Protein backbone atom coordinates (compact mmCIF):
# COMPACT_ATOMS: atom_id res chain seq x y z
CA MET A 1 7.46 -20.89 -8.58
CA LYS A 2 5.90 -23.02 -11.29
CA THR A 3 7.70 -22.43 -14.59
CA LEU A 4 5.39 -22.17 -17.58
CA LEU A 5 6.29 -24.31 -20.56
CA ALA A 6 4.43 -22.30 -23.19
CA ALA A 7 5.94 -19.06 -24.44
CA THR A 8 2.48 -17.52 -24.50
CA LEU A 9 -0.28 -18.27 -22.03
CA ALA A 10 -3.92 -17.22 -22.05
CA LEU A 11 -6.37 -17.29 -19.16
CA ARG A 12 -9.87 -17.61 -20.56
CA GLY A 13 -13.34 -17.14 -19.15
CA ALA A 14 -12.88 -15.04 -16.02
CA THR A 15 -14.40 -11.65 -15.35
CA LEU A 16 -11.49 -9.24 -15.61
CA VAL A 17 -11.07 -5.97 -13.68
CA ASP A 18 -8.08 -4.23 -15.21
CA GLY A 19 -7.34 -1.68 -12.45
CA THR A 20 -7.91 1.42 -14.58
CA GLY A 21 -11.43 1.98 -13.28
CA ALA A 22 -12.94 0.70 -16.52
CA PRO A 23 -15.98 -1.59 -16.29
CA PRO A 24 -15.19 -5.30 -15.89
CA VAL A 25 -14.87 -7.54 -18.93
CA SER A 26 -16.94 -10.72 -18.75
CA ASP A 27 -15.64 -13.93 -20.34
CA ALA A 28 -12.23 -12.30 -20.74
CA LEU A 29 -9.07 -13.46 -22.44
CA LEU A 30 -5.90 -12.40 -20.62
CA VAL A 31 -2.82 -13.15 -22.72
CA ILE A 32 0.63 -13.01 -21.15
CA ARG A 33 4.14 -13.61 -22.43
CA ASP A 34 7.59 -13.04 -20.92
CA GLY A 35 6.09 -11.75 -17.69
CA HIS A 36 3.94 -9.08 -19.32
CA VAL A 37 0.40 -8.60 -20.52
CA VAL A 38 0.03 -8.96 -24.27
CA SER A 39 -3.70 -8.25 -24.34
CA ALA A 40 -6.75 -8.19 -22.08
CA SER A 41 -10.04 -8.33 -23.90
CA ALA A 42 -13.24 -10.30 -24.38
CA ALA A 43 -12.69 -13.93 -25.38
CA THR A 44 -14.31 -13.53 -28.78
CA PRO A 45 -13.82 -16.19 -31.47
CA GLN A 46 -11.59 -13.73 -33.29
CA ALA A 47 -9.41 -13.18 -30.20
CA ILE A 48 -9.09 -16.93 -29.65
CA GLN A 49 -8.20 -17.50 -33.28
CA ALA A 50 -5.53 -14.78 -33.13
CA LEU A 51 -3.59 -16.54 -30.35
CA PRO A 52 -0.09 -17.61 -31.44
CA PRO A 53 0.40 -21.31 -32.21
CA GLY A 54 1.35 -23.25 -29.12
CA THR A 55 -0.40 -20.90 -26.71
CA LYS A 56 -1.37 -22.66 -23.51
CA VAL A 57 -5.01 -21.79 -22.72
CA VAL A 58 -6.12 -22.07 -19.09
CA ASP A 59 -9.82 -22.25 -18.32
CA VAL A 60 -10.71 -19.88 -15.46
CA ALA A 61 -14.43 -19.65 -16.16
CA GLY A 62 -16.40 -18.52 -13.14
CA LYS A 63 -13.38 -16.75 -11.62
CA TRP A 64 -12.41 -13.07 -11.36
CA ILE A 65 -9.05 -11.55 -12.20
CA ILE A 66 -7.68 -8.29 -10.77
CA PRO A 67 -4.18 -6.77 -10.74
CA GLY A 68 -1.89 -7.66 -7.87
CA LEU A 69 -2.56 -5.47 -4.87
CA ILE A 70 -0.10 -2.75 -3.84
CA ASP A 71 0.39 -1.39 -0.33
CA ALA A 72 1.83 2.12 -0.57
CA HIS A 73 2.68 2.41 3.14
CA ILE A 74 4.07 -0.51 5.07
CA HIS A 75 6.86 -1.47 7.46
CA ALA A 76 8.57 -4.87 7.40
CA GLU A 77 11.74 -6.14 9.03
CA ASN A 78 12.54 -9.41 7.29
CA ASN A 79 11.59 -11.85 4.56
CA ALA A 80 9.15 -13.63 6.85
CA ASP A 81 7.19 -10.37 7.13
CA LEU A 82 7.25 -9.97 3.36
CA LYS A 83 6.07 -13.54 2.77
CA GLY A 84 3.15 -12.99 5.14
CA ILE A 85 2.15 -9.87 3.24
CA PHE A 86 2.44 -11.61 -0.13
CA ARG A 87 0.11 -14.47 0.77
CA TRP A 88 -2.80 -11.97 0.77
CA GLY A 89 -2.16 -11.00 -2.85
CA VAL A 90 0.04 -7.97 -2.22
CA THR A 91 2.58 -8.12 -5.04
CA SER A 92 4.29 -4.73 -4.52
CA ILE A 93 4.87 -2.48 -1.51
CA ARG A 94 6.34 0.86 -0.53
CA LEU A 95 8.61 -0.08 2.37
CA MET A 96 9.13 2.70 4.90
CA SER A 97 12.52 2.03 6.48
CA GLU A 98 15.01 3.73 8.78
CA ASP A 99 17.97 2.14 6.98
CA SER A 100 18.56 3.17 3.37
CA LYS A 101 21.13 0.50 2.56
CA LEU A 102 19.07 -2.30 4.10
CA ALA A 103 15.94 -1.14 2.27
CA ALA A 104 17.82 -1.11 -1.04
CA ARG A 105 18.99 -4.66 -0.32
CA PHE A 106 15.40 -5.74 0.39
CA ALA A 107 14.33 -4.16 -2.89
CA ALA A 108 17.02 -5.92 -4.92
CA GLY A 109 16.30 -9.26 -3.28
CA SER A 110 12.57 -8.98 -3.83
CA ARG A 111 13.07 -8.82 -7.61
CA ARG A 112 14.67 -12.25 -7.53
CA ARG A 113 12.00 -13.94 -5.42
CA SER A 114 8.60 -15.34 -6.27
CA ASP A 115 7.22 -15.49 -2.72
CA VAL A 116 7.50 -11.86 -1.59
CA PRO A 117 6.22 -8.53 -2.96
CA ASP A 118 8.47 -6.31 -5.01
CA VAL A 119 9.83 -3.68 -2.61
CA PHE A 120 9.95 0.03 -3.40
CA PRO A 121 11.86 1.68 -0.56
CA ALA A 122 11.18 5.04 1.06
CA ALA A 123 14.31 5.44 3.15
CA PRO A 124 15.53 6.66 5.43
CA ILE A 125 12.81 7.95 7.74
CA PHE A 126 14.03 11.42 8.68
CA THR A 127 13.03 12.68 12.11
CA VAL A 128 14.54 14.35 15.20
CA ASN A 129 16.10 12.87 18.30
CA GLY A 130 13.30 12.07 20.70
CA GLY A 131 10.68 12.50 17.98
CA TRP A 132 8.49 9.83 16.39
CA PHE A 133 10.78 7.14 14.95
CA GLY A 134 13.60 8.84 16.83
CA GLN A 135 13.14 7.19 20.20
CA GLY A 136 15.72 4.46 20.10
CA GLN A 137 14.72 2.77 16.85
CA TYR A 138 17.80 1.71 14.97
CA GLY A 139 19.46 4.40 12.93
CA ASP A 140 21.09 4.53 9.54
CA VAL A 141 24.83 4.10 9.98
CA ASN A 142 25.39 5.38 6.46
CA LEU A 143 23.80 8.80 6.94
CA ASP A 144 22.26 11.13 9.51
CA ARG A 145 18.54 10.55 10.03
CA PHE A 146 18.47 13.43 12.52
CA PRO A 147 20.00 16.37 10.60
CA GLU A 148 20.36 19.55 12.63
CA SER A 149 21.04 21.96 9.79
CA PRO A 150 19.69 22.49 6.26
CA GLU A 151 23.14 21.68 4.88
CA GLY A 152 23.24 18.43 6.83
CA ALA A 153 19.74 17.58 5.63
CA ARG A 154 20.71 18.05 1.99
CA GLU A 155 23.83 15.94 2.41
CA ALA A 156 21.80 13.14 3.98
CA VAL A 157 19.34 13.13 1.07
CA ARG A 158 22.19 12.89 -1.42
CA LYS A 159 23.66 9.98 0.50
CA ALA A 160 20.28 8.24 0.54
CA LYS A 161 20.09 8.50 -3.22
CA ALA A 162 23.63 7.16 -3.58
CA LEU A 163 22.62 4.18 -1.45
CA GLY A 164 19.76 3.37 -3.83
CA SER A 165 16.75 5.13 -2.31
CA PRO A 166 14.29 6.53 -4.86
CA GLU A 167 12.29 8.13 -2.05
CA ILE A 168 12.67 9.54 1.45
CA LYS A 169 10.20 9.84 4.30
CA LEU A 170 9.81 12.70 6.77
CA MET A 171 8.19 12.63 10.21
CA LEU A 172 6.52 16.03 10.46
CA ASP A 173 4.39 15.45 13.52
CA ASP A 174 4.59 15.81 17.31
CA MET A 175 2.02 12.99 17.75
CA ALA A 176 0.03 15.08 20.25
CA TRP A 177 -3.19 13.87 18.61
CA CYS A 178 -2.72 10.36 20.04
CA LEU A 179 0.11 10.31 22.60
CA PRO A 180 0.05 11.52 26.23
CA ARG A 181 2.40 14.42 25.49
CA PRO A 182 3.86 16.07 22.40
CA LEU A 183 7.17 14.82 21.05
CA PRO A 184 9.87 16.99 19.49
CA ARG A 185 9.02 17.90 15.90
CA MET A 186 11.33 18.58 12.98
CA ARG A 187 12.11 22.27 12.48
CA PRO A 188 10.54 23.81 9.36
CA GLU A 189 13.87 24.77 7.80
CA ILE A 190 15.13 21.20 8.07
CA ALA A 191 11.95 19.80 6.53
CA ALA A 192 12.13 22.38 3.74
CA ALA A 193 15.74 21.44 2.96
CA LEU A 194 14.95 17.72 2.90
CA LEU A 195 12.01 18.20 0.56
CA ASP A 196 13.83 20.63 -1.71
CA GLU A 197 16.90 18.42 -2.03
CA ALA A 198 14.73 15.38 -2.76
CA ARG A 199 13.10 17.35 -5.59
CA LYS A 200 16.50 18.38 -6.95
CA GLN A 201 17.68 14.77 -6.85
CA GLY A 202 14.58 13.52 -8.65
CA MET A 203 13.40 11.61 -5.59
CA ARG A 204 9.93 11.23 -4.15
CA ALA A 205 9.15 12.35 -0.61
CA SER A 206 6.42 10.87 1.60
CA VAL A 207 5.53 12.90 4.66
CA HIS A 208 3.92 11.69 7.89
CA ALA A 209 1.73 14.69 8.75
CA PRO A 210 -1.77 13.81 10.01
CA GLU A 211 -2.40 17.23 11.53
CA LEU A 212 -3.62 19.89 9.10
CA ALA A 213 -0.94 22.53 9.75
CA ASN A 214 1.81 19.98 9.18
CA ALA A 215 0.12 18.61 6.07
CA LEU A 216 -0.14 22.12 4.64
CA GLU A 217 3.56 22.63 5.30
CA ALA A 218 4.40 19.33 3.64
CA VAL A 219 2.37 20.06 0.49
CA ALA A 220 3.78 23.59 0.22
CA GLY A 221 7.30 22.25 0.67
CA GLY A 222 7.08 19.73 -2.15
CA ALA A 223 5.91 16.43 -0.67
CA THR A 224 4.92 13.92 -3.32
CA ALA A 225 2.69 11.94 -0.94
CA LEU A 226 0.94 12.42 2.37
CA ALA A 227 1.59 9.12 4.11
CA HIS A 228 -1.54 9.37 6.31
CA GLY A 229 -4.99 10.88 6.23
CA VAL A 230 -5.47 14.40 7.57
CA LEU A 231 -7.43 14.69 10.80
CA ASP A 232 -9.06 18.09 10.27
CA PRO A 233 -11.16 19.21 7.29
CA ILE A 234 -9.09 20.02 4.21
CA ASP A 235 -10.01 23.30 2.51
CA GLY A 236 -10.35 24.04 -1.19
CA LYS A 237 -6.94 25.70 -1.42
CA MET A 238 -5.19 22.58 -0.22
CA VAL A 239 -7.29 20.38 -2.48
CA ALA A 240 -6.28 22.49 -5.47
CA ALA A 241 -2.61 22.38 -4.52
CA MET A 242 -2.67 18.60 -4.12
CA LYS A 243 -4.46 18.08 -7.42
CA ALA A 244 -2.20 20.42 -9.39
CA ARG A 245 1.12 18.70 -8.70
CA PRO A 246 -0.30 16.05 -7.91
CA VAL A 247 0.29 14.96 -4.31
CA PHE A 248 -0.80 11.40 -3.58
CA TYR A 249 -3.11 10.99 -0.61
CA ILE A 250 -2.68 7.78 1.41
CA PRO A 251 -5.51 7.79 3.96
CA THR A 252 -4.47 4.77 6.11
CA MET A 253 -8.01 4.66 7.45
CA ASP A 254 -7.37 1.29 9.06
CA ILE A 255 -4.80 2.75 11.45
CA PHE A 256 -7.13 5.48 12.62
CA GLU A 257 -9.95 2.97 13.09
CA PHE A 258 -7.55 0.68 14.94
CA LEU A 259 -6.43 3.44 17.31
CA ALA A 260 -9.95 4.80 17.84
CA ASP A 261 -11.31 1.43 18.99
CA THR A 262 -8.74 -1.35 19.00
CA ARG A 263 -11.09 -3.91 20.53
CA GLY A 264 -13.92 -3.23 18.08
CA PHE A 265 -11.55 -3.15 15.11
CA VAL A 266 -9.87 -6.45 15.94
CA ASP A 267 -13.15 -8.19 16.70
CA SER A 268 -14.57 -7.02 13.39
CA VAL A 269 -11.57 -8.33 11.42
CA LEU A 270 -11.57 -11.66 13.24
CA SER A 271 -15.29 -12.14 12.58
CA ASP A 272 -14.40 -13.19 9.01
CA PRO A 273 -13.73 -16.97 8.91
CA MET A 274 -11.29 -16.34 6.06
CA VAL A 275 -9.00 -14.65 8.57
CA THR A 276 -9.06 -17.17 11.40
CA ARG A 277 -8.83 -20.48 9.55
CA PRO A 278 -5.43 -22.23 9.18
CA GLY A 279 -3.11 -21.19 6.40
CA THR A 280 -3.64 -17.44 6.47
CA GLY A 281 -0.35 -16.64 8.18
CA PHE A 282 -2.00 -15.71 11.46
CA SER A 283 -1.31 -18.48 13.95
CA ALA A 284 -3.87 -19.68 16.46
CA GLU A 285 -1.65 -18.27 19.20
CA LEU A 286 -1.55 -14.84 17.57
CA ILE A 287 -5.30 -14.79 17.02
CA ALA A 288 -5.83 -15.77 20.66
CA LEU A 289 -3.56 -12.89 21.70
CA TYR A 290 -5.51 -10.43 19.55
CA ARG A 291 -8.73 -11.51 21.28
CA THR A 292 -7.44 -10.77 24.77
CA LYS A 293 -8.43 -7.70 26.73
CA GLY A 294 -4.77 -7.11 27.48
CA TYR A 295 -4.00 -6.62 23.78
CA SER A 296 -6.55 -3.88 23.23
CA ASP A 297 -5.95 -2.28 26.63
CA GLY A 298 -2.25 -2.08 25.83
CA TYR A 299 -2.97 0.13 22.85
CA ARG A 300 -5.30 2.33 24.88
CA ARG A 301 -2.47 2.91 27.32
CA ARG A 302 0.13 3.51 24.62
CA TYR A 303 -2.13 5.79 22.58
CA PRO A 304 -4.40 7.44 25.17
CA GLY A 305 -5.71 9.93 22.62
CA PHE A 306 -8.09 7.32 21.20
CA GLU A 307 -11.14 9.49 21.96
CA ASN A 308 -9.56 12.34 20.00
CA VAL A 309 -8.95 9.99 17.07
CA LYS A 310 -12.55 8.82 17.26
CA ARG A 311 -13.80 12.42 17.15
CA HIS A 312 -11.82 13.01 13.97
CA LEU A 313 -13.02 9.94 12.08
CA PRO A 314 -15.84 11.86 10.34
CA SER A 315 -13.31 14.42 9.05
CA LEU A 316 -10.97 11.66 7.89
CA TYR A 317 -13.74 10.02 5.87
CA ALA A 318 -14.94 13.38 4.54
CA ASN A 319 -11.41 14.28 3.41
CA LEU A 320 -11.14 10.97 1.58
CA ARG A 321 -14.41 11.62 -0.24
CA THR A 322 -13.54 15.25 -0.99
CA LEU A 323 -10.10 14.55 -2.40
CA HIS A 324 -11.27 11.57 -4.42
CA ALA A 325 -14.16 13.56 -5.89
CA ALA A 326 -11.78 16.40 -6.77
CA GLY A 327 -9.45 14.11 -8.67
CA VAL A 328 -6.59 14.03 -6.17
CA PRO A 329 -4.97 10.58 -6.55
CA VAL A 330 -5.89 8.38 -3.60
CA ALA A 331 -3.35 5.57 -3.21
CA LEU A 332 -3.99 2.72 -0.86
CA GLY A 333 -1.55 2.22 1.99
CA THR A 334 -2.12 0.68 5.37
CA ASP A 335 0.74 1.13 7.89
CA MET A 336 -0.95 -1.80 9.64
CA TRP A 337 1.13 -3.91 12.01
CA ALA A 338 -1.63 -6.17 13.38
CA PHE A 339 -2.86 -7.63 10.07
CA PRO A 340 -0.11 -7.14 7.46
CA GLY A 341 -1.20 -8.06 3.94
CA LEU A 342 -4.80 -8.66 4.98
CA SER A 343 -4.91 -4.97 5.86
CA VAL A 344 -5.11 -4.03 2.18
CA SER A 345 -8.55 -5.62 1.93
CA ILE A 346 -9.51 -4.03 5.27
CA GLU A 347 -8.53 -0.63 3.90
CA MET A 348 -10.42 -1.23 0.64
CA ASP A 349 -13.54 -2.07 2.62
CA LEU A 350 -13.20 1.17 4.58
CA TYR A 351 -12.99 3.13 1.31
CA VAL A 352 -16.24 1.54 0.21
CA ARG A 353 -17.82 2.45 3.54
CA ALA A 354 -16.62 6.02 2.92
CA GLY A 355 -18.55 6.14 -0.35
CA LEU A 356 -16.16 4.87 -3.02
CA THR A 357 -17.30 2.02 -5.22
CA PRO A 358 -15.48 -1.33 -5.08
CA LEU A 359 -14.11 -0.56 -8.54
CA GLU A 360 -12.65 2.71 -7.25
CA ALA A 361 -11.21 1.00 -4.18
CA ILE A 362 -9.51 -1.58 -6.41
CA ARG A 363 -8.06 1.20 -8.54
CA ALA A 364 -6.64 2.89 -5.41
CA ALA A 365 -4.97 -0.41 -4.48
CA THR A 366 -3.57 -1.06 -7.95
CA GLN A 367 -3.09 1.66 -10.58
CA THR A 368 -2.92 4.66 -8.23
CA ALA A 369 -0.77 2.90 -5.64
CA ALA A 370 1.61 1.85 -8.42
CA ARG A 371 1.86 5.42 -9.67
CA SER A 372 2.55 6.66 -6.15
CA VAL A 373 5.62 4.44 -5.79
CA GLY A 374 6.90 5.27 -9.26
CA ALA A 375 6.11 1.83 -10.70
CA ALA A 376 4.80 2.69 -14.15
CA ASP A 377 5.22 -0.91 -15.30
CA ARG A 378 2.47 -2.39 -13.12
CA GLY A 379 -0.85 -1.75 -11.39
CA THR A 380 -3.11 -2.44 -14.37
CA LEU A 381 -3.73 -5.34 -16.74
CA GLU A 382 -3.06 -3.39 -19.92
CA PRO A 383 -0.79 -4.39 -22.79
CA GLY A 384 2.86 -3.99 -21.82
CA ARG A 385 2.28 -3.99 -18.07
CA ARG A 386 3.78 -6.58 -15.77
CA ALA A 387 1.61 -9.65 -15.34
CA ASP A 388 1.07 -9.32 -11.59
CA PHE A 389 -2.49 -10.41 -10.88
CA LEU A 390 -4.83 -12.42 -8.68
CA VAL A 391 -7.35 -15.07 -9.65
CA LEU A 392 -10.30 -14.89 -7.25
CA SER A 393 -13.14 -17.29 -6.57
CA ALA A 394 -15.71 -14.57 -5.78
CA ASP A 395 -16.77 -11.20 -7.20
CA PRO A 396 -14.85 -8.27 -5.64
CA LEU A 397 -17.30 -5.78 -7.15
CA GLN A 398 -20.14 -7.33 -5.18
CA ASP A 399 -18.10 -7.28 -1.95
CA VAL A 400 -14.60 -5.83 -2.08
CA LYS A 401 -13.52 -8.14 0.76
CA ASN A 402 -13.74 -10.94 -1.79
CA VAL A 403 -10.20 -9.99 -2.81
CA ARG A 404 -9.32 -12.29 0.10
CA LYS A 405 -10.68 -15.30 -1.79
CA ILE A 406 -7.54 -15.97 -3.73
CA VAL A 407 -7.22 -19.01 -5.95
CA GLU A 408 -3.85 -18.04 -7.44
CA ILE A 409 -1.29 -15.28 -7.11
CA TRP A 410 0.70 -14.44 -10.22
CA LYS A 411 3.89 -12.41 -10.07
CA ASN A 412 5.76 -11.40 -13.19
CA GLY A 413 3.76 -13.76 -15.36
CA GLU A 414 4.21 -16.91 -13.30
CA THR A 415 2.11 -18.57 -10.65
CA ALA A 416 3.44 -18.02 -7.18
CA GLY A 417 2.55 -19.03 -3.66
CA PRO A 418 1.55 -19.52 -0.98
CA ARG A 419 -2.11 -18.83 -1.66
CA VAL A 420 -5.06 -17.94 0.54
CA GLN A 421 -7.67 -20.40 -0.70
CA PRO A 422 -11.28 -20.18 0.42
CA LYS A 423 -13.32 -23.11 1.61
CA ASN A 424 -15.93 -24.14 -0.92
């Protein structure tokens, strides 16, 4: 991390998108001090004159500034994973983890590092033996991820909180929509106890429930976020219930597109030279693997319900449009294992294809994602917020994929790296 010598620093001349959904500010003046935004406004003569003596002014004319991106649904196993995610401008993440204590350790460590995103854990992932995330994945030695009674479920939630988890995750799905056969699914009384105890403990609760009946159960039970899009059309009653509380909707459109047509999805992503050139975190060997027929065929065998997923894509896009139009908070999350970090820009592009504007997609990946993880101190470039932001070389409102063209990543008011720099 490059330490700044001036107590106050101002970036002048860029077009600034503040993450609130407000129109961009041309020739902006972004003033930061002690890791936070002091002001974000037009660089008028009056604003320049009002800068404190000794302010270091950095010329970023011709650039664009947006808040640091936030992925509200991701899995990572080590610091190398986190560093790969960070290099694409993702400065905060919701980490879904089986192990509450480990996730809390990741979170604490991330606050002390300049080269990884800040981690907001959702842990543990509660499921059932033999269910999704209950098929031999490592457990949580500190508590029971597979409670068999409501009392056991409540005790496990309390233990998770004691271990430092602000949020839990539930698997409320038999995966029949994509797997060859249904898996065991959590009993309703266990799910209800987990959700109710989380509410009593002041914790958030993300629920994996792509099928409509399960999503309805999750919302009725007190989920604070649906961790995936819903496959079948959502009715007005559910829309109203989600808006009233509110329940954050995390569509993870990239995962559904990936499962529906792995070959087409991967080829589309790799068609961007920004992705395949050196320095992006994706090695030549990995890219070569992604291009093989064996890679895509492997996913077709593992998830043979790809035709069913493809049939539901129109409903998934329609639900995204419906909920967004109704005012339900849409928070960007990816759950993407093939292109971690990069997947945030992939997901933003899919939102635009669904009918959102680039400005709305950026808001989903910044302000709304921050709200969904309980991070009120970030997500926008407003006075008092953390100075997590990206300096871009191209206009993300013209093409939202331009968020990949990163000149600098700033975390907590200081420049950080590595960076994904475009060829000029």
